PDB file of N, CA and C in Angstrom:
ATOM      1  N   MET A   1    -269.339-187.481  19.079  1.00  0.00           N
ATOM      2  CA  MET A   1    -270.047-188.036  18.111  1.00  0.00           C
ATOM      3  C   MET A   1    -270.252-186.453  17.354  1.00  0.00           C
ATOM      4  N   SER A   2    -270.574-185.147  18.183  1.00  0.00           N
ATOM      5  CA  SER A   2    -270.899-183.828  17.611  1.00  0.00           C
ATOM      6  C   SER A   2    -269.292-183.604  16.974  1.00  0.00           C
ATOM      7  N   ARG A   3    -268.342-183.655  17.377  1.00  0.00           N
ATOM      8  CA  ARG A   3    -266.903-183.739  16.575  1.00  0.00           C
ATOM      9  C   ARG A   3    -266.863-184.714  15.183  1.00  0.00           C
ATOM     10  N   PHE A   4    -267.110-185.548  15.340  1.00  0.00           N
ATOM     11  CA  PHE A   4    -267.128-186.506  14.194  1.00  0.00           C
ATOM     12  C   PHE A   4    -267.795-185.822  12.877  1.00  0.00           C
ATOM     13  N   LEU A   5    -269.597-185.602  13.485  1.00  0.00           N
ATOM     14  CA  LEU A   5    -270.057-184.690  12.417  1.00  0.00           C
ATOM     15  C   LEU A   5    -269.650-183.565  12.420  1.00  0.00           C
ATOM     16  N   SER A   6    -268.808-182.910  12.593  1.00  0.00           N
ATOM     17  CA  SER A   6    -268.783-181.248  12.436  1.00  0.00           C
ATOM     18  C   SER A   6    -267.302-181.759  11.538  1.00  0.00           C
ATOM     19  N   SER A   7    -266.836-182.829  12.033  1.00  0.00           N
ATOM     20  CA  SER A   7    -265.353-183.351  11.094  1.00  0.00           C
ATOM     21  C   SER A   7    -265.701-183.282   9.182  1.00  0.00           C
ATOM     22  N   ILE A   8    -266.642-184.317   9.286  1.00  0.00           N
ATOM     23  CA  ILE A   8    -267.697-184.430   8.212  1.00  0.00           C
ATOM     24  C   ILE A   8    -267.896-183.342   7.299  1.00  0.00           C
ATOM     25  N   GLN A   9    -268.849-182.159   8.143  1.00  0.00           N
ATOM     26  CA  GLN A   9    -269.075-181.027   7.370  1.00  0.00           C
ATOM     27  C   GLN A   9    -267.945-180.392   7.120  1.00  0.00           C
ATOM     28  N   SER A  10    -267.174-180.361   8.065  1.00  0.00           N
ATOM     29  CA  SER A  10    -266.100-179.953   7.638  1.00  0.00           C
ATOM     30  C   SER A  10    -265.423-180.523   5.987  1.00  0.00           C
ATOM     31  N   GLU A  11    -265.219-181.434   6.023  1.00  0.00           N
ATOM     32  CA  GLU A  11    -264.542-182.446   4.659  1.00  0.00           C
ATOM     33  C   GLU A  11    -265.620-182.251   3.421  1.00  0.00           C
ATOM     34  N   TRP A  12    -266.447-182.420   3.615  1.00  0.00           N
ATOM     35  CA  TRP A  12    -267.787-182.497   2.772  1.00  0.00           C
ATOM     36  C   TRP A  12    -267.647-180.902   2.134  1.00  0.00           C
ATOM     37  N   LEU A  13    -267.543-179.825   2.437  1.00  0.00           N
ATOM     38  CA  LEU A  13    -267.288-178.057   2.471  1.00  0.00           C
ATOM     39  C   LEU A  13    -265.577-178.087   1.930  1.00  0.00           C
ATOM     40  N   LYS A  14    -265.318-178.656   1.884  1.00  0.00           N
ATOM     41  CA  LYS A  14    -263.092-178.920   1.349  1.00  0.00           C
ATOM     42  C   LYS A  14    -263.752-178.913   0.095  1.00  0.00           C
ATOM     43  N   THR A  15    -264.572-180.318  -0.296  1.00  0.00           N
ATOM     44  CA  THR A  15    -264.256-181.176  -1.627  1.00  0.00           C
ATOM     45  C   THR A  15    -265.751-180.134  -2.621  1.00  0.00           C
ATOM     46  N   LYS A  16    -266.446-179.828  -1.892  1.00  0.00           N
ATOM     47  CA  LYS A  16    -267.580-178.909  -2.707  1.00  0.00           C
ATOM     48  C   LYS A  16    -267.425-178.612  -3.756  1.00  0.00           C
ATOM     49  N   ASN A  17    -266.468-177.803  -4.207  1.00  0.00           N
ATOM     50  CA  ASN A  17    -265.990-176.869  -5.489  1.00  0.00           C
ATOM     51  C   ASN A  17    -264.752-177.888  -6.177  1.00  0.00           C
ATOM     52  N   SER A  18    -264.288-178.932  -5.763  1.00  0.00           N
ATOM     53  CA  SER A  18    -263.145-179.993  -6.266  1.00  0.00           C
ATOM     54  C   SER A  18    -263.246-180.260  -7.139  1.00  0.00           C
ATOM     55  N   ALA A  19    -262.128-181.105  -7.607  1.00  0.00           N
ATOM     56  CA  ALA A  19    -262.244-181.895  -8.902  1.00  0.00           C
ATOM     57  C   ALA A  19    -262.767-182.754  -8.188  1.00  0.00           C
ATOM     58  N   ALA A  20    -263.063-183.647  -6.948  1.00  0.00           N
ATOM     59  CA  ALA A  20    -263.261-184.776  -6.677  1.00  0.00           C
ATOM     60  C   ALA A  20    -264.827-184.733  -7.038  1.00  0.00           C
ATOM     61  N   SER A  21    -265.419-184.031  -6.688  1.00  0.00           N
ATOM     62  CA  SER A  21    -266.959-183.706  -6.811  1.00  0.00           C
ATOM     63  C   SER A  21    -267.120-183.653  -8.122  1.00  0.00           C
ATOM     64  N   TRP A  22    -266.665-182.709  -9.424  1.00  0.00           N
ATOM     65  CA  TRP A  22    -266.550-182.706 -10.707  1.00  0.00           C
ATOM     66  C   TRP A  22    -266.151-183.983 -11.214  1.00  0.00           C
ATOM     67  N   LEU A  23    -265.596-184.695 -11.021  1.00  0.00           N
ATOM     68  CA  LEU A  23    -265.023-186.340 -11.315  1.00  0.00           C
ATOM     69  C   LEU A  23    -266.393-187.370 -10.949  1.00  0.00           C
ATOM     70  N   CYS A  24    -267.375-186.979 -10.017  1.00  0.00           N
ATOM     71  CA  CYS A  24    -268.682-187.872  -9.439  1.00  0.00           C
ATOM     72  C   CYS A  24    -269.769-187.699 -10.764  1.00  0.00           C
ATOM     73  N   VAL A  25    -269.918-186.043 -10.623  1.00  0.00           N
ATOM     74  CA  VAL A  25    -270.771-185.718 -11.637  1.00  0.00           C
ATOM     75  C   VAL A  25    -270.425-186.366 -13.280  1.00  0.00           C
ATOM     76  N   ILE A  26    -269.164-185.885 -13.794  1.00  0.00           N
ATOM     77  CA  ILE A  26    -269.045-186.122 -15.117  1.00  0.00           C
ATOM     78  C   ILE A  26    -269.172-188.172 -15.319  1.00  0.00           C
ATOM     79  N   GLY A  27    -268.057-188.171 -13.843  1.00  0.00           N
ATOM     80  CA  GLY A  27    -268.108-190.236 -14.145  1.00  0.00           C
ATOM     81  C   GLY A  27    -269.806-190.671 -14.120  1.00  0.00           C
ATOM     82  N   GLY A  28    -270.471-190.223 -13.687  1.00  0.00           N
ATOM     83  CA  GLY A  28    -272.401-190.461 -13.169  1.00  0.00           C
ATOM     84  C   GLY A  28    -272.607-190.518 -14.866  1.00  0.00           C
ATOM     85  N   PHE A  29    -272.583-189.113 -15.286  1.00  0.00           N
ATOM     86  CA  PHE A  29    -273.288-189.173 -16.724  1.00  0.00           C
ATOM     87  C   PHE A  29    -272.393-189.225 -17.816  1.00  0.00           C
ATOM     88  N   LEU A  30    -271.279-189.970 -17.841  1.00  0.00           N
ATOM     89  CA  LEU A  30    -270.464-190.088 -18.838  1.00  0.00           C
ATOM     90  C   LEU A  30    -271.131-191.353 -19.738  1.00  0.00           C
ATOM     91  N   ILE A  31    -271.389-192.482 -18.979  1.00  0.00           N
ATOM     92  CA  ILE A  31    -271.208-193.922 -19.755  1.00  0.00           C
ATOM     93  C   ILE A  31    -273.108-193.815 -20.623  1.00  0.00           C
ATOM     94  N   PRO A  32    -273.953-193.347 -19.885  1.00  0.00           N
ATOM     95  CA  PRO A  32    -275.624-192.730 -20.207  1.00  0.00           C
ATOM     96  C   PRO A  32    -275.461-191.852 -21.561  1.00  0.00           C
ATOM     97  N   LEU A  33    -274.958-190.669 -21.654  1.00  0.00           N
ATOM     98  CA  LEU A  33    -274.271-189.684 -22.468  1.00  0.00           C
ATOM     99  C   LEU A  33    -274.030-190.423 -23.614  1.00  0.00           C
ATOM    100  N   LEU A  34    -272.811-191.795 -23.368  1.00  0.00           N
ATOM    101  CA  LEU A  34    -272.360-192.195 -24.805  1.00  0.00           C
ATOM    102  C   LEU A  34    -273.095-192.870 -25.442  1.00  0.00           C
ATOM    103  N   TYR A  35    -273.966-193.731 -24.540  1.00  0.00           N
ATOM    104  CA  TYR A  35    -275.206-194.563 -25.194  1.00  0.00           C
ATOM    105  C   TYR A  35    -276.111-193.624 -26.057  1.00  0.00           C
ATOM    106  N   CYS A  36    -276.533-192.810 -25.293  1.00  0.00           N
ATOM    107  CA  CYS A  36    -277.541-191.948 -25.835  1.00  0.00           C
ATOM    108  C   CYS A  36    -276.733-191.365 -27.563  1.00  0.00           C
ATOM    109  N   ILE A  37    -275.840-190.916 -27.345  1.00  0.00           N
ATOM    110  CA  ILE A  37    -275.060-190.321 -28.802  1.00  0.00           C
ATOM    111  C   ILE A  37    -274.911-191.570 -29.923  1.00  0.00           C
ATOM    112  N   ASN A  38    -274.717-192.859 -29.253  1.00  0.00           N
ATOM    113  CA  ASN A  38    -274.166-193.303 -30.154  1.00  0.00           C
ATOM    114  C   ASN A  38    -275.464-194.471 -30.779  1.00  0.00           C
ATOM    115  N   PHE A  39    -276.813-194.485 -30.048  1.00  0.00           N
ATOM    116  CA  PHE A  39    -278.222-194.220 -30.808  1.00  0.00           C
ATOM    117  C   PHE A  39    -278.283-193.786 -31.778  1.00  0.00           C
ATOM    118  N   PHE A  40    -278.507-192.157 -31.114  1.00  0.00           N
ATOM    119  CA  PHE A  40    -278.691-191.100 -32.382  1.00  0.00           C
ATOM    120  C   PHE A  40    -277.782-191.223 -33.183  1.00  0.00           C
ATOM    121  N   ARG A  41    -276.545-191.813 -33.346  1.00  0.00           N
ATOM    122  CA  ARG A  41    -275.613-191.040 -34.633  1.00  0.00           C
ATOM    123  C   ARG A  41    -275.848-192.706 -34.829  1.00  0.00           C
ATOM    124  N   THR A  42    -276.427-194.205 -34.446  1.00  0.00           N
ATOM    125  CA  THR A  42    -276.680-195.111 -35.533  1.00  0.00           C
ATOM    126  C   THR A  42    -278.566-194.888 -36.033  1.00  0.00           C
ATOM    127  N   GLY A  43    -278.694-195.101 -34.625  1.00  0.00           N
ATOM    128  CA  GLY A  43    -280.307-195.154 -34.815  1.00  0.00           C
ATOM    129  C   GLY A  43    -280.746-196.590 -34.529  1.00  0.00           C
ATOM    130  N   LYS A  44    -279.296-197.862 -34.033  1.00  0.00           N
ATOM    131  CA  LYS A  44    -279.472-199.237 -33.201  1.00  0.00           C
ATOM    132  C   LYS A  44    -280.033-198.845 -31.963  1.00  0.00           C
ATOM    133  N   SER A  45    -280.891-199.330 -31.393  1.00  0.00           N
ATOM    134  CA  SER A  45    -281.717-200.210 -29.807  1.00  0.00           C
ATOM    135  C   SER A  45    -280.619-200.811 -29.474  1.00  0.00           C
ATOM    136  N   ILE A  46    -280.500-201.003 -28.445  1.00  0.00           N
ATOM    137  CA  ILE A  46    -279.545-202.038 -27.637  1.00  0.00           C
ATOM    138  C   ILE A  46    -280.420-203.300 -27.849  1.00  0.00           C
ATOM    139  N   ASN A  47    -281.727-203.394 -27.768  1.00  0.00           N
ATOM    140  CA  ASN A  47    -282.671-204.006 -27.295  1.00  0.00           C
ATOM    141  C   ASN A  47    -282.779-205.145 -28.943  1.00  0.00           C
ATOM    142  N   LYS A  48    -281.776-206.287 -28.219  1.00  0.00           N
ATOM    143  CA  LYS A  48    -281.648-207.301 -29.226  1.00  0.00           C
ATOM    144  C   LYS A  48    -283.097-208.328 -28.941  1.00  0.00           C
ATOM    145  N   GLU A  49    -283.246-208.609 -27.378  1.00  0.00           N
ATOM    146  CA  GLU A  49    -284.018-209.446 -27.362  1.00  0.00           C
ATOM    147  C   GLU A  49    -285.562-209.203 -26.949  1.00  0.00           C
ATOM    148  N   PHE A  50    -286.295-208.963 -27.485  1.00  0.00           N
ATOM    149  CA  PHE A  50    -287.925-208.274 -27.902  1.00  0.00           C
ATOM    150  C   PHE A  50    -288.720-208.834 -26.429  1.00  0.00           C
ATOM    151  N   ASN A  51    -288.001-210.247 -25.751  1.00  0.00           N
ATOM    152  CA  ASN A  51    -288.777-210.136 -24.759  1.00  0.00           C
ATOM    153  C   ASN A  51    -288.594-209.690 -23.563  1.00  0.00           C
ATOM    154  N   THR A  52    -287.535-208.752 -23.199  1.00  0.00           N
ATOM    155  CA  THR A  52    -287.472-208.752 -22.145  1.00  0.00           C
ATOM    156  C   THR A  52    -287.199-206.673 -22.096  1.00  0.00           C
ATOM    157  N   PRO A  53    -287.476-206.247 -21.010  1.00  0.00           N
ATOM    158  CA  PRO A  53    -287.673-204.843 -20.718  1.00  0.00           C
ATOM    159  C   PRO A  53    -286.457-204.141 -21.385  1.00  0.00           C
ATOM    160  N   ILE A  54    -286.472-203.065 -21.982  1.00  0.00           N
ATOM    161  CA  ILE A  54    -285.766-202.073 -22.408  1.00  0.00           C
ATOM    162  C   ILE A  54    -285.031-201.815 -21.532  1.00  0.00           C
ATOM    163  N   TRP A  55    -285.579-201.327 -20.495  1.00  0.00           N
ATOM    164  CA  TRP A  55    -284.802-200.516 -19.033  1.00  0.00           C
ATOM    165  C   TRP A  55    -284.080-201.684 -18.215  1.00  0.00           C
ATOM    166  N   GLN A  56    -283.770-203.183 -18.366  1.00  0.00           N
ATOM    167  CA  GLN A  56    -283.417-204.196 -17.884  1.00  0.00           C
ATOM    168  C   GLN A  56    -282.289-204.130 -18.485  1.00  0.00           C
ATOM    169  N   ILE A  57    -282.342-204.076 -20.104  1.00  0.00           N
ATOM    170  CA  ILE A  57    -280.581-204.338 -20.908  1.00  0.00           C
ATOM    171  C   ILE A  57    -280.065-203.556 -20.994  1.00  0.00           C
ATOM    172  N   TYR A  58    -280.686-202.230 -20.496  1.00  0.00           N
ATOM    173  CA  TYR A  58    -279.900-200.567 -20.536  1.00  0.00           C
ATOM    174  C   TYR A  58    -279.221-200.706 -19.485  1.00  0.00           C
ATOM    175  N   LEU A  59    -280.043-200.748 -17.973  1.00  0.00           N
ATOM    176  CA  LEU A  59    -279.311-200.598 -17.063  1.00  0.00           C
ATOM    177  C   LEU A  59    -278.108-201.636 -17.065  1.00  0.00           C
ATOM    178  N   ARG A  60    -278.651-203.361 -17.429  1.00  0.00           N
ATOM    179  CA  ARG A  60    -277.327-203.755 -17.281  1.00  0.00           C
ATOM    180  C   ARG A  60    -276.051-203.449 -18.251  1.00  0.00           C
ATOM    181  N   GLU A  61    -276.423-203.101 -19.600  1.00  0.00           N
ATOM    182  CA  GLU A  61    -275.054-202.746 -19.975  1.00  0.00           C
ATOM    183  C   GLU A  61    -274.062-201.489 -19.307  1.00  0.00           C
ATOM    184  N   LEU A  62    -274.840-200.322 -19.165  1.00  0.00           N
ATOM    185  CA  LEU A  62    -274.668-199.532 -18.306  1.00  0.00           C
ATOM    186  C   LEU A  62    -273.674-199.814 -17.394  1.00  0.00           C
ATOM    187  N   TRP A  63    -274.369-200.607 -16.671  1.00  0.00           N
ATOM    188  CA  TRP A  63    -273.767-201.321 -15.216  1.00  0.00           C
ATOM    189  C   TRP A  63    -272.176-202.305 -15.767  1.00  0.00           C
ATOM    190  N   MET A  64    -272.412-202.851 -16.404  1.00  0.00           N
ATOM    191  CA  MET A  64    -271.432-203.842 -17.094  1.00  0.00           C
ATOM    192  C   MET A  64    -269.825-202.373 -17.146  1.00  0.00           C
ATOM    193  N   ASN A  65    -270.655-201.715 -18.044  1.00  0.00           N
ATOM    194  CA  ASN A  65    -269.246-200.275 -18.901  1.00  0.00           C
ATOM    195  C   ASN A  65    -268.801-199.888 -17.577  1.00  0.00           C
ATOM    196  N   MET A  66    -269.625-199.256 -16.468  1.00  0.00           N
ATOM    197  CA  MET A  66    -269.099-198.186 -15.564  1.00  0.00           C
ATOM    198  C   MET A  66    -268.373-199.296 -14.424  1.00  0.00           C
ATOM    199  N   SER A  67    -268.942-200.305 -14.232  1.00  0.00           N
ATOM    200  CA  SER A  67    -268.055-201.497 -13.324  1.00  0.00           C
ATOM    201  C   SER A  67    -266.609-201.742 -13.910  1.00  0.00           C
ATOM    202  N   PHE A  68    -266.658-202.080 -14.899  1.00  0.00           N
ATOM    203  CA  PHE A  68    -265.026-202.299 -15.407  1.00  0.00           C
ATOM    204  C   PHE A  68    -264.079-201.023 -15.548  1.00  0.00           C
ATOM    205  N   PHE A  69    -264.697-200.133 -16.034  1.00  0.00           N
ATOM    206  CA  PHE A  69    -263.368-199.377 -15.802  1.00  0.00           C
ATOM    207  C   PHE A  69    -263.890-197.761 -15.356  1.00  0.00           C
ATOM    208  N   LEU A  70    -265.183-196.833 -15.230  1.00  0.00           N
ATOM    209  CA  LEU A  70    -265.072-195.826 -14.563  1.00  0.00           C
ATOM    210  C   LEU A  70    -265.443-196.129 -12.607  1.00  0.00           C
ATOM    211  N   LEU A  71    -265.827-197.093 -12.348  1.00  0.00           N
ATOM    212  CA  LEU A  71    -265.690-197.363 -11.044  1.00  0.00           C
ATOM    213  C   LEU A  71    -264.604-197.466 -10.350  1.00  0.00           C
ATOM    214  N   PRO A  72    -263.665-198.332 -10.864  1.00  0.00           N
ATOM    215  CA  PRO A  72    -262.348-198.459  -9.823  1.00  0.00           C
ATOM    216  C   PRO A  72    -261.493-197.112 -10.391  1.00  0.00           C
ATOM    217  N   ILE A  73    -261.675-196.527 -11.458  1.00  0.00           N
ATOM    218  CA  ILE A  73    -260.860-195.511 -11.696  1.00  0.00           C
ATOM    219  C   ILE A  73    -261.165-194.497 -11.174  1.00  0.00           C
ATOM    220  N   GLY A  74    -262.503-194.170 -10.431  1.00  0.00           N
ATOM    221  CA  GLY A  74    -263.067-193.121 -10.472  1.00  0.00           C
ATOM    222  C   GLY A  74    -263.100-192.989  -8.714  1.00  0.00           C
ATOM    223  N   VAL A  75    -263.138-194.071  -8.156  1.00  0.00           N
ATOM    224  CA  VAL A  75    -263.025-194.472  -6.801  1.00  0.00           C
ATOM    225  C   VAL A  75    -261.868-194.003  -6.122  1.00  0.00           C
ATOM    226  N   MET A  76    -260.343-194.237  -7.068  1.00  0.00           N
ATOM    227  CA  MET A  76    -259.179-194.249  -6.646  1.00  0.00           C
ATOM    228  C   MET A  76    -258.734-192.498  -6.891  1.00  0.00           C
ATOM    229  N   LEU A  77    -258.825-191.967  -7.607  1.00  0.00           N
ATOM    230  CA  LEU A  77    -259.150-190.437  -8.299  1.00  0.00           C
ATOM    231  C   LEU A  77    -259.670-189.778  -6.773  1.00  0.00           C
ATOM    232  N   ALA A  78    -261.063-189.801  -6.817  1.00  0.00           N
ATOM    233  CA  ALA A  78    -261.553-189.831  -6.048  1.00  0.00           C
ATOM    234  C   ALA A  78    -260.744-189.600  -4.384  1.00  0.00           C
ATOM    235  N   ALA A  79    -260.528-190.743  -4.274  1.00  0.00           N
ATOM    236  CA  ALA A  79    -259.753-191.049  -3.171  1.00  0.00           C
ATOM    237  C   ALA A  79    -258.758-190.202  -2.743  1.00  0.00           C
ATOM    238  N   SER A  80    -257.684-190.315  -4.134  1.00  0.00           N
ATOM    239  CA  SER A  80    -256.648-189.172  -4.321  1.00  0.00           C
ATOM    240  C   SER A  80    -256.883-187.812  -3.839  1.00  0.00           C
ATOM    241  N   LEU A  81    -257.728-187.564  -4.222  1.00  0.00           N
ATOM    242  CA  LEU A  81    -257.725-186.233  -4.293  1.00  0.00           C
ATOM    243  C   LEU A  81    -258.748-185.239  -3.471  1.00  0.00           C
ATOM    244  N   ILE A  82    -259.373-186.296  -2.442  1.00  0.00           N
ATOM    245  CA  ILE A  82    -259.769-185.940  -1.288  1.00  0.00           C
ATOM    246  C   ILE A  82    -258.734-185.905  -0.197  1.00  0.00           C
ATOM    247  N   ALA A  83    -257.966-187.145  -0.126  1.00  0.00           N
ATOM    248  CA  ALA A  83    -256.693-187.073   0.632  1.00  0.00           C
ATOM    249  C   ALA A  83    -255.443-186.296   0.808  1.00  0.00           C
ATOM    250  N   GLN A  84    -255.621-185.210  -0.590  1.00  0.00           N
ATOM    251  CA  GLN A  84    -254.490-184.521  -1.019  1.00  0.00           C
ATOM    252  C   GLN A  84    -255.137-183.131  -1.011  1.00  0.00           C
ATOM    253  N   VAL A  85    -256.009-182.584  -0.286  1.00  0.00           N
ATOM    254  CA  VAL A  85    -257.071-181.655  -0.078  1.00  0.00           C
ATOM    255  C   VAL A  85    -256.115-180.870   0.943  1.00  0.00           C
ATOM    256  N   GLU A  86    -255.733-181.154   2.039  1.00  0.00           N
ATOM    257  CA  GLU A  86    -254.444-179.911   2.762  1.00  0.00           C
ATOM    258  C   GLU A  86    -253.437-179.702   2.240  1.00  0.00           C
ATOM    259  N   PHE A  87    -252.664-180.940   1.555  1.00  0.00           N
ATOM    260  CA  PHE A  87    -251.444-181.382   1.388  1.00  0.00           C
ATOM    261  C   PHE A  87    -251.217-179.877   0.018  1.00  0.00           C
ATOM    262  N   ARG A  88    -252.035-179.777  -0.492  1.00  0.00           N
ATOM    263  CA  ARG A  88    -252.004-179.183  -1.970  1.00  0.00           C
ATOM    264  C   ARG A  88    -251.994-177.461  -1.697  1.00  0.00           C
ATOM    265  N   ASN A  89    -253.168-177.064  -0.397  1.00  0.00           N
ATOM    266  CA  ASN A  89    -253.670-176.356  -0.025  1.00  0.00           C
ATOM    267  C   ASN A  89    -252.356-175.278   0.982  1.00  0.00           C
ATOM    268  N   ASN A  90    -251.069-176.954   1.536  1.00  0.00           N
ATOM    269  CA  ASN A  90    -250.624-176.205   2.775  1.00  0.00           C
ATOM    270  C   ASN A  90    -251.356-175.855   3.626  1.00  0.00           C
ATOM    271  N   SER A  91    -252.125-176.351   3.989  1.00  0.00           N
ATOM    272  CA  SER A  91    -253.459-176.239   5.639  1.00  0.00           C
ATOM    273  C   SER A  91    -253.632-177.506   6.016  1.00  0.00           C
ATOM    274  N   TRP A  92    -252.229-178.376   6.517  1.00  0.00           N
ATOM    275  CA  TRP A  92    -252.628-179.586   6.908  1.00  0.00           C
ATOM    276  C   TRP A  92    -251.713-179.326   8.248  1.00  0.00           C
ATOM    277  N   LYS A  93    -250.912-178.400   8.569  1.00  0.00           N
ATOM    278  CA  LYS A  93    -250.515-177.874   9.863  1.00  0.00           C
ATOM    279  C   LYS A  93    -251.568-177.386  10.465  1.00  0.00           C
ATOM    280  N   GLN A  94    -252.558-176.398  10.190  1.00  0.00           N
ATOM    281  CA  GLN A  94    -253.857-176.406  11.092  1.00  0.00           C
ATOM    282  C   GLN A  94    -254.836-177.265  11.117  1.00  0.00           C
ATOM    283  N   LEU A  95    -254.927-178.477  10.213  1.00  0.00           N
ATOM    284  CA  LEU A  95    -255.679-179.438  10.315  1.00  0.00           C
ATOM    285  C   LEU A  95    -255.426-180.299  11.568  1.00  0.00           C
ATOM    286  N   ASN A  96    -253.604-180.273  11.812  1.00  0.00           N
ATOM    287  CA  ASN A  96    -253.171-181.625  13.334  1.00  0.00           C
ATOM    288  C   ASN A  96    -253.097-180.790  14.249  1.00  0.00           C
ATOM    289  N   VAL A  97    -253.364-179.015  13.968  1.00  0.00           N
ATOM    290  CA  VAL A  97    -253.435-178.461  15.178  1.00  0.00           C
ATOM    291  C   VAL A  97    -255.395-178.093  16.145  1.00  0.00           C
ATOM    292  N   THR A  98    -256.235-178.424  15.564  1.00  0.00           N
ATOM    293  CA  THR A  98    -256.978-178.731  15.914  1.00  0.00           C
ATOM    294  C   THR A  98    -257.609-180.295  16.765  1.00  0.00           C
ATOM    295  N   PRO A  99    -258.288-180.056  18.144  1.00  0.00           N
ATOM    296  CA  PRO A  99    -258.300-180.858  18.792  1.00  0.00           C
ATOM    297  C   PRO A  99    -259.192-181.883  18.445  1.00  0.00           C
ATOM    298  N   GLN A 100    -258.333-182.640  17.638  1.00  0.00           N
ATOM    299  CA  GLN A 100    -259.122-184.217  16.896  1.00  0.00           C
ATOM    300  C   GLN A 100    -258.082-185.000  16.800  1.00  0.00           C
ATOM    301  N   LYS A 101    -258.668-186.671  17.593  1.00  0.00           N
ATOM    302  CA  LYS A 101    -257.728-187.213  16.699  1.00  0.00           C
ATOM    303  C   LYS A 101    -257.600-187.849  15.130  1.00  0.00           C
ATOM    304  N   TYR A 102    -256.183-188.384  15.016  1.00  0.00           N
ATOM    305  CA  TYR A 102    -256.111-188.616  13.759  1.00  0.00           C
ATOM    306  C   TYR A 102    -257.275-189.475  13.192  1.00  0.00           C
ATOM    307  N   SER A 103    -257.642-190.252  14.262  1.00  0.00           N
ATOM    308  CA  SER A 103    -259.099-191.476  13.527  1.00  0.00           C
ATOM    309  C   SER A 103    -260.523-190.799  12.853  1.00  0.00           C
ATOM    310  N   THR A 104    -260.441-189.769  13.497  1.00  0.00           N
ATOM    311  CA  THR A 104    -261.743-189.138  13.740  1.00  0.00           C
ATOM    312  C   THR A 104    -261.594-188.000  12.065  1.00  0.00           C
ATOM    313  N   ILE A 105    -260.510-187.634  11.949  1.00  0.00           N
ATOM    314  CA  ILE A 105    -260.233-186.789  10.700  1.00  0.00           C
ATOM    315  C   ILE A 105    -260.018-188.017   9.668  1.00  0.00           C
ATOM    316  N   TYR A 106    -259.464-189.103   9.235  1.00  0.00           N
ATOM    317  CA  TYR A 106    -259.475-190.154   8.337  1.00  0.00           C
ATOM    318  C   TYR A 106    -260.687-190.516   8.288  1.00  0.00           C
ATOM    319  N   GLY A 107    -261.255-191.124   9.547  1.00  0.00           N
ATOM    320  CA  GLY A 107    -262.712-191.246   9.246  1.00  0.00           C
ATOM    321  C   GLY A 107    -263.722-190.455   8.563  1.00  0.00           C
ATOM    322  N   ALA A 108    -263.265-189.592   8.991  1.00  0.00           N
ATOM    323  CA  ALA A 108    -264.731-188.518   8.034  1.00  0.00           C
ATOM    324  C   ALA A 108    -264.055-187.948   6.984  1.00  0.00           C
ATOM    325  N   LYS A 109    -262.956-188.267   6.330  1.00  0.00           N
ATOM    326  CA  LYS A 109    -262.482-188.487   4.742  1.00  0.00           C
ATOM    327  C   LYS A 109    -263.069-189.625   4.512  1.00  0.00           C
ATOM    328  N   LEU A 110    -262.812-190.918   4.560  1.00  0.00           N
ATOM    329  CA  LEU A 110    -263.700-192.169   4.393  1.00  0.00           C
ATOM    330  C   LEU A 110    -264.745-191.956   4.370  1.00  0.00           C
ATOM    331  N   PHE A 111    -265.781-191.245   5.257  1.00  0.00           N
ATOM    332  CA  PHE A 111    -267.477-191.032   5.098  1.00  0.00           C
ATOM    333  C   PHE A 111    -267.845-190.234   3.873  1.00  0.00           C
ATOM    334  N   VAL A 112    -266.952-189.117   3.926  1.00  0.00           N
ATOM    335  CA  VAL A 112    -266.867-188.410   3.043  1.00  0.00           C
ATOM    336  C   VAL A 112    -266.837-188.828   1.420  1.00  0.00           C
ATOM    337  N   LEU A 113    -265.815-189.838   1.228  1.00  0.00           N
ATOM    338  CA  LEU A 113    -265.462-190.743   0.275  1.00  0.00           C
ATOM    339  C   LEU A 113    -266.731-191.229  -0.312  1.00  0.00           C
ATOM    340  N   LEU A 114    -267.475-192.207   0.756  1.00  0.00           N
ATOM    341  CA  LEU A 114    -268.098-192.881   0.448  1.00  0.00           C
ATOM    342  C   LEU A 114    -269.308-192.523  -0.138  1.00  0.00           C
ATOM    343  N   LEU A 115    -269.471-191.264   0.371  1.00  0.00           N
ATOM    344  CA  LEU A 115    -270.898-190.210   0.089  1.00  0.00           C
ATOM    345  C   LEU A 115    -270.553-189.796  -1.312  1.00  0.00           C
ATOM    346  N   MET A 116    -269.506-189.570  -1.581  1.00  0.00           N
ATOM    347  CA  MET A 116    -268.990-189.243  -2.980  1.00  0.00           C
ATOM    348  C   MET A 116    -269.291-190.822  -4.328  1.00  0.00           C
ATOM    349  N   VAL A 117    -269.136-191.684  -3.367  1.00  0.00           N
ATOM    350  CA  VAL A 117    -269.197-192.776  -4.494  1.00  0.00           C
ATOM    351  C   VAL A 117    -270.844-193.335  -4.193  1.00  0.00           C
ATOM    352  N   LEU A 118    -271.447-193.285  -3.294  1.00  0.00           N
ATOM    353  CA  LEU A 118    -272.896-192.808  -3.986  1.00  0.00           C
ATOM    354  C   LEU A 118    -273.807-191.914  -4.270  1.00  0.00           C
ATOM    355  N   LYS A 119    -272.863-190.500  -4.237  1.00  0.00           N
ATOM    356  CA  LYS A 119    -273.559-189.729  -5.150  1.00  0.00           C
ATOM    357  C   LYS A 119    -272.977-189.712  -6.340  1.00  0.00           C
ATOM    358  N   PHE A 120    -271.903-190.762  -6.973  1.00  0.00           N
ATOM    359  CA  PHE A 120    -271.514-191.306  -8.200  1.00  0.00           C
ATOM    360  C   PHE A 120    -272.981-192.104  -9.007  1.00  0.00           C
ATOM    361  N   PHE A 121    -273.130-192.703  -7.825  1.00  0.00           N
ATOM    362  CA  PHE A 121    -274.053-193.732  -8.335  1.00  0.00           C
ATOM    363  C   PHE A 121    -275.282-193.581  -8.584  1.00  0.00           C
ATOM    364  N   LEU A 122    -276.090-192.186  -7.634  1.00  0.00           N
ATOM    365  CA  LEU A 122    -276.976-192.260  -7.980  1.00  0.00           C
ATOM    366  C   LEU A 122    -277.132-191.031  -9.448  1.00  0.00           C
ATOM    367  N   PHE A 123    -276.430-190.204  -9.697  1.00  0.00           N
ATOM    368  CA  PHE A 123    -276.123-189.825 -11.143  1.00  0.00           C
ATOM    369  C   PHE A 123    -275.654-190.729 -12.036  1.00  0.00           C
TER     370      PHE A 123
END
């Protein structure tokens, strides 16, 4: 278990300043930012039904747009960027020399990808 945790920690450090990390931050703030810009430009609210609270409508609209476009593309790009960190830096040889099983290495990569998707949702 300690090897798995140290492997997760090393994978997280590799993705700290990578493009996958910036993708999660920018992707998380893109749709709400576009809605705010549209509101300031047109002055029209998305609250067409006056009975329901504005936050429910706002979250429903944002989730529809994010789940349709950004979520699948963001997960695919983050997965490919995380999986290719060693191959771009030509350090895959060093990773294979470490006394770890391949299941531990790729399990840690999967866990870091799931953490980045969670980070995307939180943003």
